[in-house]
C-alpha atoms as a PDB file:
ATOM      1  CA  MET A   1       6.575 -18.516  -1.990  1.00  0.00           C
ATOM      2  CA  SER A   2       8.862 -15.909  -1.831  1.00  0.00           C
ATOM      3  CA  ARG A   3       8.604 -13.216   1.262  1.00  0.00           C
ATOM      4  CA  VAL A   4       8.792 -10.907  -2.076  1.00  0.00           C
ATOM      5  CA  GLN A   5       6.049 -12.534  -3.679  1.00  0.00           C
ATOM      6  CA  LYS A   6       4.223 -12.920  -0.764  1.00  0.00           C
ATOM      7  CA  GLY A   7       4.695  -9.251   0.050  1.00  0.00           C
ATOM      8  CA  MET A   8       3.352  -8.300  -3.634  1.00  0.00           C
ATOM      9  CA  MET A   9       0.232 -10.756  -3.101  1.00  0.00           C
ATOM     10  CA  ALA A  10      -0.709  -8.901  -0.012  1.00  0.00           C
ATOM     11  CA  GLY A  11       0.244  -5.386  -1.687  1.00  0.00           C
ATOM     12  CA  LEU A  12      -2.193  -6.137  -4.307  1.00  0.00           C
ATOM     13  CA  PHE A  13      -4.956  -7.062  -1.734  1.00  0.00           C
ATOM     14  CA  ALA A  14      -4.030  -3.751   0.289  1.00  0.00           C
ATOM     15  CA  THR A  15      -3.988  -1.273  -2.935  1.00  0.00           C
ATOM     16  CA  VAL A  16      -7.417  -3.392  -3.884  1.00  0.00           C
ATOM     17  CA  ALA A  17      -8.924  -1.875  -0.340  1.00  0.00           C
ATOM     18  CA  VAL A  18      -7.579   0.997  -0.866  1.00  0.00           C
ATOM     19  CA  SER A  19      -8.890   1.326  -4.036  1.00  0.00           C
ATOM     20  CA  ILE A  20     -12.584   0.848  -2.778  1.00  0.00           C
ATOM     21  CA  LEU A  21     -12.114   3.265  -0.461  1.00  0.00           C
ATOM     22  CA  GLU A  22     -11.054   6.031  -2.953  1.00  0.00           C
ATOM     23  CA  ALA A  23     -13.396   5.271  -5.513  1.00  0.00           C
ATOM     24  CA  VAL A  24     -16.082   6.104  -2.837  1.00  0.00           C
ATOM     25  CA  ASN A  25     -14.450   9.018  -2.150  1.00  0.00           C
ATOM     26  CA  VAL A  26     -14.242   9.705  -5.728  1.00  0.00           C
ATOM     27  CA  PHE A  27     -17.811   8.606  -7.036  1.00  0.00           C
ATOM     28  CA  ALA A  28     -19.773   9.366  -3.646  1.00  0.00           C
ATOM     29  CA  GLY A  29     -17.793  12.973  -3.021  1.00  0.00           C
ATOM     30  CA  PRO A  30     -15.349  14.121  -3.977  1.00  0.00           C
ATOM     31  CA  TRP A  31     -14.546  14.673  -0.212  1.00  0.00           C
ATOM     32  CA  VAL A  32     -10.455  15.110  -0.925  1.00  0.00           C
ATOM     33  CA  GLU A  33      -8.975  15.651  -4.007  1.00  0.00           C
ATOM     34  CA  PRO A  34      -8.859  11.734  -5.388  1.00  0.00           C
ATOM     35  CA  SER A  35      -5.381  10.078  -4.558  1.00  0.00           C
ATOM     36  CA  PRO A  36      -5.062   8.733  -8.149  1.00  0.00           C
ATOM     37  CA  LEU A  37      -4.881  12.382  -9.461  1.00  0.00           C
ATOM     38  CA  PHE A  38      -2.363  13.294  -7.250  1.00  0.00           C
ATOM     39  CA  VAL A  39      -0.479  10.202  -8.309  1.00  0.00           C
ATOM     40  CA  ALA A  40      -0.811  11.349 -11.885  1.00  0.00           C
ATOM     41  CA  SER A  41       0.393  15.196 -10.915  1.00  0.00           C
ATOM     42  CA  LEU A  42       3.515  13.752  -9.164  1.00  0.00           C
ATOM     43  CA  ILE A  43       4.629  11.793 -12.160  1.00  0.00           C
ATOM     44  CA  GLY A  44       4.049  14.787 -15.047  1.00  0.00           C
ATOM     45  CA  MET A  45       0.295  13.998 -16.081  1.00  0.00           C
ATOM     46  CA  PRO A  46      -2.040  16.037 -14.253  1.00  0.00           C
ATOM     47  CA  GLY A  47      -5.756  15.482 -14.255  1.00  0.00           C
ATOM     48  CA  ASN A  48      -5.256  12.020 -16.078  1.00  0.00           C
ATOM     49  CA  LEU A  49      -7.196   9.669 -13.720  1.00  0.00           C
ATOM     50  CA  ALA A  50      -6.174   6.451 -15.677  1.00  0.00           C
ATOM     51  CA  VAL A  51      -2.590   6.861 -15.366  1.00  0.00           C
ATOM     52  CA  GLY A  52      -3.124   7.713 -11.948  1.00  0.00           C
ATOM     53  CA  TRP A  53      -4.739   4.796 -10.911  1.00  0.00           C
ATOM     54  CA  ILE A  54      -2.369   2.368 -12.803  1.00  0.00           C
ATOM     55  CA  ALA A  55       0.418   3.849 -11.043  1.00  0.00           C
ATOM     56  CA  HIS A  56      -1.039   3.439  -7.742  1.00  0.00           C
ATOM     57  CA  PHE A  57      -1.476   0.026  -8.576  1.00  0.00           C
ATOM     58  CA  ILE A  58       2.062  -0.468  -9.401  1.00  0.00           C
ATOM     59  CA  ALA A  59       3.374   1.428  -6.476  1.00  0.00           C
ATOM     60  CA  GLY A  60       1.184  -0.745  -4.152  1.00  0.00           C
ATOM     61  CA  THR A  61       1.910  -3.858  -5.564  1.00  0.00           C
ATOM     62  CA  VAL A  62       5.011  -4.022  -6.993  1.00  0.00           C
ATOM     63  CA  ILE A  63       7.139  -1.504  -5.127  1.00  0.00           C
ATOM     64  CA  LEU A  64       5.281  -1.475  -1.599  1.00  0.00           C
ATOM     65  CA  GLY A  65       4.664  -4.874  -1.272  1.00  0.00           C
ATOM     66  CA  ALA A  66       8.122  -6.424  -2.432  1.00  0.00           C
ATOM     67  CA  LEU A  67       9.618  -4.007  -0.130  1.00  0.00           C
ATOM     68  CA  PHE A  68       7.428  -4.797   2.832  1.00  0.00           C
ATOM     69  CA  GLY A  69       7.773  -8.598   2.126  1.00  0.00           C
ATOM     70  CA  ILE A  70      11.483  -7.756   2.306  1.00  0.00           C
ATOM     71  CA  LEU A  71      11.295  -5.702   5.312  1.00  0.00           C
ATOM     72  CA  CYS A  72       8.461  -7.627   7.331  1.00  0.00           C
ATOM     73  CA  PRO A  73      10.621  -9.802   9.433  1.00  0.00           C
ATOM     74  CA  ARG A  74      12.747  -7.058  10.868  1.00  0.00           C
ATOM     75  CA  MET A  75       9.973  -4.196  11.314  1.00  0.00           C
ATOM     76  CA  PRO A  76       8.989  -3.016  14.616  1.00  0.00           C
ATOM     77  CA  GLY A  77       5.897  -4.195  15.933  1.00  0.00           C
ATOM     78  CA  GLN A  78       3.814  -7.045  17.872  1.00  0.00           C
ATOM     79  CA  THR A  79       1.275  -8.049  15.163  1.00  0.00           C
ATOM     80  CA  PRO A  80       1.305  -8.110  11.439  1.00  0.00           C
ATOM     81  CA  GLU A  81      -0.924  -5.217  11.117  1.00  0.00           C
ATOM     82  CA  THR A  82       1.145  -2.830  13.580  1.00  0.00           C
ATOM     83  CA  LYS A  83       3.958  -3.716  11.303  1.00  0.00           C
ATOM     84  CA  GLY A  84       2.053  -2.928   8.050  1.00  0.00           C
ATOM     85  CA  ILE A  85       0.760   0.136   9.643  1.00  0.00           C
ATOM     86  CA  ILE A  86       4.481   1.595  10.887  1.00  0.00           C
ATOM     87  CA  PHE A  87       5.349   0.753   7.264  1.00  0.00           C
ATOM     88  CA  ALA A  88       2.617   2.457   5.169  1.00  0.00           C
ATOM     89  CA  VAL A  89       3.108   5.426   7.482  1.00  0.00           C
ATOM     90  CA  GLY A  90       6.333   5.279   6.740  1.00  0.00           C
ATOM     91  CA  ALA A  91       6.313   5.212   3.154  1.00  0.00           C
ATOM     92  CA  TRP A  92       3.347   8.212   3.317  1.00  0.00           C
ATOM     93  CA  ALA A  93       5.969  10.268   5.340  1.00  0.00           C
ATOM     94  CA  VAL A  94       8.665   9.443   2.585  1.00  0.00           C
ATOM     95  CA  LEU A  95       6.071  10.844   0.031  1.00  0.00           C
ATOM     96  CA  MET A  96       5.112  13.801   1.786  1.00  0.00           C
ATOM     97  CA  VAL A  97       8.781  14.809   2.273  1.00  0.00           C
ATOM     98  CA  ALA A  98       9.676  13.599  -1.426  1.00  0.00           C
ATOM     99  CA  VAL A  99       6.993  16.176  -2.423  1.00  0.00           C
ATOM    100  CA  PHE A 100       8.409  19.247  -0.475  1.00  0.00           C
ATOM    101  CA  LEU A 101      12.010  18.476  -1.172  1.00  0.00           C
ATOM    102  CA  PHE A 102      11.956  17.497  -5.255  1.00  0.00           C
ATOM    103  CA  GLY A 103       8.072  17.950  -6.264  1.00  0.00           C
ATOM    104  CA  ASP A 104       5.857  20.847  -6.209  1.00  0.00           C
ATOM    105  CA  PRO A 105       4.409  21.679  -2.945  1.00  0.00           C
ATOM    106  CA  ARG A 106       1.481  23.462  -4.659  1.00  0.00           C
ATOM    107  CA  ILE A 107       0.037  20.408  -5.525  1.00  0.00           C
ATOM    108  CA  LEU A 108      -1.369  20.178  -2.112  1.00  0.00           C
ATOM    109  CA  ARG A 109      -3.401  23.230  -2.225  1.00  0.00           C
ATOM    110  CA  GLY A 110      -6.687  24.276  -3.389  1.00  0.00           C
ATOM    111  CA  SER A 111      -9.233  21.570  -2.795  1.00  0.00           C
ATOM    112  CA  GLY A 112      -6.673  18.985  -1.393  1.00  0.00           C
ATOM    113  CA  GLY A 113      -4.485  20.954   1.305  1.00  0.00           C
ATOM    114  CA  PHE A 114      -4.653  19.570   4.444  1.00  0.00           C
ATOM    115  CA  GLY A 115      -8.002  17.207   3.988  1.00  0.00           C
ATOM    116  CA  MET A 116      -5.858  15.583   1.110  1.00  0.00           C
ATOM    117  CA  VAL A 117      -3.090  14.840   3.511  1.00  0.00           C
ATOM    118  CA  ALA A 118      -5.320  13.709   6.274  1.00  0.00           C
ATOM    119  CA  TRP A 119      -6.779  11.305   3.704  1.00  0.00           C
ATOM    120  CA  MET A 120      -3.713   9.910   2.432  1.00  0.00           C
ATOM    121  CA  LEU A 121      -2.556   9.323   6.135  1.00  0.00           C
ATOM    122  CA  VAL A 122      -5.509   7.217   6.737  1.00  0.00           C
ATOM    123  CA  SER A 123      -5.636   5.487   3.470  1.00  0.00           C
ATOM    124  CA  HIS A 124      -2.165   4.573   3.990  1.00  0.00           C
ATOM    125  CA  ALA A 125      -2.920   3.226   7.388  1.00  0.00           C
ATOM    126  CA  VAL A 126      -5.833   1.213   5.862  1.00  0.00           C
ATOM    127  CA  PHE A 127      -3.324  -0.021   3.579  1.00  0.00           C
ATOM    128  CA  GLY A 128      -0.953  -1.159   5.780  1.00  0.00           C
ATOM    129  CA  ILE A 129      -3.540  -3.055   8.234  1.00  0.00           C
ATOM    130  CA  VAL A 130      -4.725  -5.075   5.035  1.00  0.00           C
ATOM    131  CA  LEU A 131      -0.822  -5.352   3.830  1.00  0.00           C
ATOM    132  CA  GLY A 132       0.280  -6.794   7.375  1.00  0.00           C
ATOM    133  CA  ASN A 133      -2.656  -9.008   7.919  1.00  0.00           C
ATOM    134  CA  VAL A 134      -2.375 -10.872   4.566  1.00  0.00           C
ATOM    135  CA  TYR A 135       1.286 -11.180   4.471  1.00  0.00           C
ATOM    136  CA  ALA A 136       0.827 -12.402   7.869  1.00  0.00           C
ATOM    137  CA  ARG A 137      -1.882 -15.250   6.451  1.00  0.00           C
ATOM    138  CA  LEU A 138       0.311 -16.263   3.695  1.00  0.00           C
ATOM    139  CA  VAL A 139       3.097 -16.968   5.835  1.00  0.00           C
ATOM    140  CA  ALA A 140       1.251 -19.023   8.455  1.00  0.00           C
ATOM    141  CA  ARG A 141      -0.576 -20.773   5.184  1.00  0.00           C
ATOM    142  CA  GLU A 142       2.874 -21.504   4.297  1.00  0.00           C
ATOM    143  CA  LYS A 143       3.688 -22.751   7.563  1.00  0.00           C
ATOM    144  CA  ARG A 144       0.672 -24.873   7.608  1.00  0.00           C
ATOM    145  CA  ALA A 145       1.519 -26.439   4.727  1.00  0.00           C
ATOM    146  CA  ALA A 146       4.900 -27.253   5.395  1.00  0.00           C
ATOM    147  CA  LYS A 147       3.966 -28.727   8.710  1.00  0.00           C
ATOM    148  CA  LEU A 148       1.250 -31.300   6.823  1.00  0.00           C
ATOM    149  CA  MET A 149       4.164 -32.055   4.504  1.00  0.00           C
ATOM    150  CA  ASP A 150       6.431 -32.787   7.164  1.00  0.00           C
ATOM    151  CA  GLY A 151       6.870 -36.421   7.613  1.00  0.00           C
ATOM    152  CA  VAL A 152       5.497 -37.281   4.281  1.00  0.00           C
ATOM    153  CA  ALA A 153       7.022 -39.395   2.095  1.00  0.00           C
ATOM    154  CA  PRO A 154       7.022 -38.153  -1.969  1.00  0.00           C
ATOM    155  CA  ALA A 155       4.764 -39.617  -4.191  1.00  0.00           C
ATOM    156  CA  HIS A 156       7.557 -40.575  -6.844  1.00  0.00           C
END
């Protein structure tokens, strides 16, 4: 499995973990504006929760997961989880800068505001922890499999 594939697999698990947190926010609260609504507003479809969820899964799995797979070996940090947090908080910072430079910063007003920004930072940190952990487990599993296959003659 390539680094990109491992990253995308880890991104899928991390996106599911964050989606569970987000689902609790949506159905038990909402304490802050749901992130999928924020994402839907960013792509020009405000109020469309389904589009927000789809974009959330694509961004977390395909874009961020693959990018982490490429960058992980060169990321600073001692543990995979630390690398994941650094990566995810960096992605959050890029998102915030992009909203203020190219988007409409009014998207963060009202029920959103600081609470929404803080919620997104926390959810990105959780994403990073899961991303780094799953990626490291996939790498370790591949190394164990290679070690088991080392010295074994082919079956044919």
